[in-house]
C-alpha atoms as a PDB file:
ATOM      1  CA  MET A   1     110.201 100.917 108.793  1.00  0.00           C
ATOM      2  CA  ASN A   2     106.383 101.904 109.570  1.00  0.00           C
ATOM      3  CA  VAL A   3     103.401 102.472 107.120  1.00  0.00           C
ATOM      4  CA  GLY A   4     103.700 106.229 107.425  1.00  0.00           C
ATOM      5  CA  GLN A   5     107.381 106.068 106.132  1.00  0.00           C
ATOM      6  CA  LEU A   6     106.152 104.598 103.079  1.00  0.00           C
ATOM      7  CA  MET A   7     102.975 105.544 102.001  1.00  0.00           C
ATOM      8  CA  THR A   8     101.990 107.948  99.502  1.00  0.00           C
ATOM      9  CA  HIS A   9     100.364 111.687 100.955  1.00  0.00           C
ATOM     10  CA  GLY A  10      98.194 113.938  99.256  1.00  0.00           C
ATOM     11  CA  VAL A  11      95.721 111.570  98.297  1.00  0.00           C
ATOM     12  CA  LYS A  12      92.462 112.347  96.231  1.00  0.00           C
ATOM     13  CA  THR A  13      89.269 111.995  97.638  1.00  0.00           C
ATOM     14  CA  CYS A  14      85.661 112.659  96.783  1.00  0.00           C
ATOM     15  CA  ARG A  15      82.080 112.920  98.113  1.00  0.00           C
ATOM     16  CA  PRO A  16      79.633 109.985  97.929  1.00  0.00           C
ATOM     17  CA  GLN A  17      77.432 112.026  96.226  1.00  0.00           C
ATOM     18  CA  GLU A  18      79.849 113.075  93.824  1.00  0.00           C
ATOM     19  CA  SER A  19      79.213 111.500  89.697  1.00  0.00           C
ATOM     20  CA  LEU A  20      81.469 108.608  88.587  1.00  0.00           C
ATOM     21  CA  ASN A  21      82.321 110.974  85.832  1.00  0.00           C
ATOM     22  CA  THR A  22      84.166 113.381  88.455  1.00  0.00           C
ATOM     23  CA  ALA A  23      86.108 110.494  90.236  1.00  0.00           C
ATOM     24  CA  ALA A  24      87.461 108.718  86.631  1.00  0.00           C
ATOM     25  CA  LYS A  25      88.180 112.714  85.626  1.00  0.00           C
ATOM     26  CA  LEU A  26      89.976 113.128  89.379  1.00  0.00           C
ATOM     27  CA  MET A  27      91.972 109.799  88.953  1.00  0.00           C
ATOM     28  CA  TRP A  28      93.151 110.795  85.134  1.00  0.00           C
ATOM     29  CA  ASP A  29      94.205 114.236  86.117  1.00  0.00           C
ATOM     30  CA  ASN A  30      95.974 112.651  88.658  1.00  0.00           C
ATOM     31  CA  ASN A  31      97.749 109.497  87.014  1.00  0.00           C
ATOM     32  CA  CYS A  32      95.933 107.212  90.022  1.00  0.00           C
ATOM     33  CA  GLY A  33      94.412 104.319  90.002  1.00  0.00           C
ATOM     34  CA  SER A  34      91.902 105.002  93.200  1.00  0.00           C
ATOM     35  CA  VAL A  35      90.563 107.740  95.481  1.00  0.00           C
ATOM     36  CA  GLY A  36      89.359 107.695  99.005  1.00  0.00           C
ATOM     37  CA  VAL A  37      85.702 108.268  99.719  1.00  0.00           C
ATOM     38  CA  VAL A  38      84.830 110.963 102.257  1.00  0.00           C
ATOM     39  CA  GLY A  39      81.862 112.260 104.481  1.00  0.00           C
ATOM     40  CA  ASP A  40      81.626 113.998 107.138  1.00  0.00           C
ATOM     41  CA  GLY A  41      82.793 111.739 109.341  1.00  0.00           C
ATOM     42  CA  GLY A  42      85.740 111.036 107.448  1.00  0.00           C
ATOM     43  CA  VAL A  43      86.549 108.391 105.311  1.00  0.00           C
ATOM     44  CA  VAL A  44      83.418 106.239 104.241  1.00  0.00           C
ATOM     45  CA  GLY A  45      84.976 104.126 101.405  1.00  0.00           C
ATOM     46  CA  MET A  46      87.273 103.680  98.476  1.00  0.00           C
ATOM     47  CA  LEU A  47      86.858 103.992  95.047  1.00  0.00           C
ATOM     48  CA  THR A  48      88.769 101.966  92.080  1.00  0.00           C
ATOM     49  CA  ASP A  49      89.187 102.602  88.576  1.00  0.00           C
ATOM     50  CA  ARG A  50      88.000  99.177  88.459  1.00  0.00           C
ATOM     51  CA  ASP A  51      84.706 100.031  90.560  1.00  0.00           C
ATOM     52  CA  ILE A  52      83.930 102.682  87.763  1.00  0.00           C
ATOM     53  CA  CYS A  53      84.019 100.057  84.721  1.00  0.00           C
ATOM     54  CA  MET A  54      81.949  97.480  86.412  1.00  0.00           C
ATOM     55  CA  ALA A  55      79.311 100.219  87.722  1.00  0.00           C
ATOM     56  CA  ALA A  56      79.246 101.395  84.116  1.00  0.00           C
ATOM     57  CA  TYR A  57      78.869  97.557  82.753  1.00  0.00           C
ATOM     58  CA  THR A  58      76.071  96.518  85.282  1.00  0.00           C
ATOM     59  CA  GLN A  59      74.269  99.342  85.808  1.00  0.00           C
ATOM     60  CA  GLY A  60      74.270 100.969  82.390  1.00  0.00           C
ATOM     61  CA  HIS A  61      74.099 104.566  82.231  1.00  0.00           C
ATOM     62  CA  LEU A  62      76.327 107.745  81.926  1.00  0.00           C
ATOM     63  CA  LEU A  63      78.850 108.069  84.372  1.00  0.00           C
ATOM     64  CA  SER A  64      77.510 111.395  84.639  1.00  0.00           C
ATOM     65  CA  GLU A  65      74.537 109.901  86.096  1.00  0.00           C
ATOM     66  CA  MET A  66      75.576 107.710  88.510  1.00  0.00           C
ATOM     67  CA  GLN A  67      76.722 109.052  92.072  1.00  0.00           C
ATOM     68  CA  ILE A  68      80.097 107.270  93.594  1.00  0.00           C
ATOM     69  CA  SER A  69      78.218 105.580  96.456  1.00  0.00           C
ATOM     70  CA  SER A  70      76.583 103.042  94.035  1.00  0.00           C
ATOM     71  CA  ALA A  71      80.015 102.157  93.013  1.00  0.00           C
ATOM     72  CA  MET A  72      82.524 102.459  95.944  1.00  0.00           C
ATOM     73  CA  SER A  73      83.485 100.185  98.441  1.00  0.00           C
ATOM     74  CA  LYS A  74      81.642 100.289 101.364  1.00  0.00           C
ATOM     75  CA  LYS A  75      83.878  98.134 103.589  1.00  0.00           C
ATOM     76  CA  LEU A  76      86.689  99.708 104.499  1.00  0.00           C
ATOM     77  CA  PHE A  77      89.989  98.106 105.694  1.00  0.00           C
ATOM     78  CA  SER A  78      92.703 100.545 107.040  1.00  0.00           C
ATOM     79  CA  CYS A  79      95.503 101.465 109.011  1.00  0.00           C
ATOM     80  CA  ARG A  80      97.639 103.883 111.121  1.00  0.00           C
ATOM     81  CA  PRO A  81     100.484 105.629 109.814  1.00  0.00           C
ATOM     82  CA  GLU A  82     102.219 104.016 112.912  1.00  0.00           C
ATOM     83  CA  ASP A  83     101.341 100.417 112.047  1.00  0.00           C
ATOM     84  CA  SER A  84     104.093  98.124 110.758  1.00  0.00           C
ATOM     85  CA  LEU A  85     104.591  97.302 107.246  1.00  0.00           C
ATOM     86  CA  ALA A  86     104.210  93.599 108.313  1.00  0.00           C
ATOM     87  CA  LYS A  87     100.789  94.499 110.561  1.00  0.00           C
ATOM     88  CA  ALA A  88      99.943  96.341 106.956  1.00  0.00           C
ATOM     89  CA  GLU A  89     100.735  93.633 104.228  1.00  0.00           C
ATOM     90  CA  GLU A  90      98.828  90.955 106.743  1.00  0.00           C
ATOM     91  CA  ILE A  91      95.545  93.104 106.349  1.00  0.00           C
ATOM     92  CA  MET A  92      95.964  93.322 102.500  1.00  0.00           C
ATOM     93  CA  ARG A  93      97.090  89.496 102.460  1.00  0.00           C
ATOM     94  CA  THR A  94      93.803  89.112 104.238  1.00  0.00           C
ATOM     95  CA  ASN A  95      91.174  90.667 102.720  1.00  0.00           C
ATOM     96  CA  ARG A  96      93.013  90.726  99.540  1.00  0.00           C
ATOM     97  CA  ILE A  97      93.631  94.267  98.679  1.00  0.00           C
ATOM     98  CA  ARG A  98      96.010  96.392  97.043  1.00  0.00           C
ATOM     99  CA  ARG A  99      95.497  99.607  98.459  1.00  0.00           C
ATOM    100  CA  LEU A 100      95.709  99.942 101.900  1.00  0.00           C
ATOM    101  CA  PRO A 101      93.731 103.695 102.977  1.00  0.00           C
ATOM    102  CA  VAL A 102      95.518 104.957 105.506  1.00  0.00           C
ATOM    103  CA  ILE A 103      93.736 107.070 108.280  1.00  0.00           C
ATOM    104  CA  ASP A 104      94.476 108.755 111.644  1.00  0.00           C
ATOM    105  CA  ALA A 105      92.925 108.616 114.650  1.00  0.00           C
ATOM    106  CA  ASP A 106      89.960 111.287 114.047  1.00  0.00           C
ATOM    107  CA  ASN A 107      88.939 109.139 110.792  1.00  0.00           C
ATOM    108  CA  HIS A 108      90.857 111.109 108.084  1.00  0.00           C
ATOM    109  CA  LEU A 109      92.405 110.196 105.272  1.00  0.00           C
ATOM    110  CA  VAL A 110      96.401 110.401 105.494  1.00  0.00           C
ATOM    111  CA  GLY A 111      97.646 108.367 102.410  1.00  0.00           C
ATOM    112  CA  ILE A 112      97.011 104.922 100.681  1.00  0.00           C
ATOM    113  CA  LEU A 113      99.920 102.146 101.053  1.00  0.00           C
ATOM    114  CA  SER A 114     100.011 100.466  97.837  1.00  0.00           C
ATOM    115  CA  LEU A 115     101.634  96.963  96.821  1.00  0.00           C
ATOM    116  CA  ASP A 116     103.742  98.811  94.495  1.00  0.00           C
ATOM    117  CA  ASP A 117     105.012 101.004  97.233  1.00  0.00           C
ATOM    118  CA  ILE A 118     106.201  98.186  99.317  1.00  0.00           C
ATOM    119  CA  ALA A 119     107.540  96.433  95.861  1.00  0.00           C
ATOM    120  CA  ARG A 120     109.584  99.538  95.350  1.00  0.00           C
ATOM    121  CA  GLU A 121     111.000  99.662  98.603  1.00  0.00           C
ATOM    122  CA  ALA A 122     112.030  96.152  98.765  1.00  0.00           C
ATOM    123  CA  MET A 123     113.820  97.153  95.233  1.00  0.00           C
ATOM    124  CA  HIS A 124     115.752  99.671  96.874  1.00  0.00           C
ATOM    125  CA  GLU A 125     116.590  97.969  99.702  1.00  0.00           C
ATOM    126  CA  ARG A 126     118.134  95.042  97.776  1.00  0.00           C
ATOM    127  CA  LYS A 127     119.549  97.700  95.347  1.00  0.00           C
ATOM    128  CA  ASP A 128     121.341  99.720  97.757  1.00  0.00           C
ATOM    129  CA  LYS A 129     122.641  96.721  99.987  1.00  0.00           C
ATOM    130  CA  LYS A 130     120.799  98.786 103.135  1.00  0.00           C
ATOM    131  CA  ARG A 131     119.445  96.698 105.908  1.00  0.00           C
ATOM    132  CA  VAL A 132     116.896  94.540 104.710  1.00  0.00           C
ATOM    133  CA  GLU A 133     113.630  95.325 106.071  1.00  0.00           C
ATOM    134  CA  ILE A 134     111.298  94.060 103.242  1.00  0.00           C
ATOM    135  CA  THR A 135     112.300  90.686 100.974  1.00  0.00           C
ATOM    136  CA  ALA A 136     111.285  90.202  97.789  1.00  0.00           C
ATOM    137  CA  GLU A 137     109.857  86.970  99.407  1.00  0.00           C
ATOM    138  CA  GLU A 138     107.229  88.332 101.631  1.00  0.00           C
ATOM    139  CA  VAL A 139     106.025  90.998  98.868  1.00  0.00           C
ATOM    140  CA  CYS A 140     105.572  87.718  96.515  1.00  0.00           C
ATOM    141  CA  ASP A 141     103.646  86.012  99.599  1.00  0.00           C
ATOM    142  CA  THR A 142     101.010  89.578  99.724  1.00  0.00           C
ATOM    143  CA  PHE A 143     100.727  89.794  96.170  1.00  0.00           C
ATOM    144  CA  ALA A 144     100.243  86.185  95.515  1.00  0.00           C
ATOM    145  CA  ALA A 145      97.489  86.224  98.569  1.00  0.00           C
ATOM    146  CA  ILE A 146      95.896  89.060  96.870  1.00  0.00           C
ATOM    147  CA  CYS A 147      95.328  87.565  93.351  1.00  0.00           C
ATOM    148  CA  GLY A 148      95.274  83.976  94.943  1.00  0.00           C
ATOM    149  CA  ASP A 149      91.697  82.400  94.788  1.00  0.00           C
ATOM    150  CA  SER A 150      91.709  80.997  98.071  1.00  0.00           C
ATOM    151  CA  GLY A 151      93.021  83.876  99.525  1.00  0.00           C
ATOM    152  CA  GLN A 152      95.823  82.555 101.285  1.00  0.00           C
ATOM    153  CA  SER A 153      99.176  82.869 101.344  1.00  0.00           C
ATOM    154  CA  VAL A 154     101.504  81.267  98.538  1.00  0.00           C
ATOM    155  CA  ALA A 155     105.225  80.497  99.357  1.00  0.00           C
ATOM    156  CA  ALA A 156     107.332  82.500  96.643  1.00  0.00           C
ATOM    157  CA  THR A 157     110.468  81.158  95.554  1.00  0.00           C
ATOM    158  CA  VAL A 158     112.896  84.117  94.478  1.00  0.00           C
END
């Protein structure tokens, strides 16, 4: 199984010069916790609901007065649709991120792979007793690495 088979399609996007209020509304209306930030050359960053909250707290301005560029993550970690889930999970573990943008060869955002997507697939495989490609241990290891202080994988007992 590769990333393209599991990722969420139809990812919402916004532009760096738009307001944080616009992004917050986009997330609210679409029940999502992150949006891709795109510029003329493709994906330039990611913005999460947490980024918005922290910007509001630390900058002390109305969301309508702050640009997305002031709060977005500019260091972008991503994968490709044809990448293996193991490769994507390693990127998530190493960089301690829960959502991984999936980009094509032209740097266009084509999807998002989240830890939730991986966990759901592991549960379906376990329930359906299909050939297991994702184990509960792998999901736990990835989650522990993302959440841990050291950013290193922790062995899970399931």
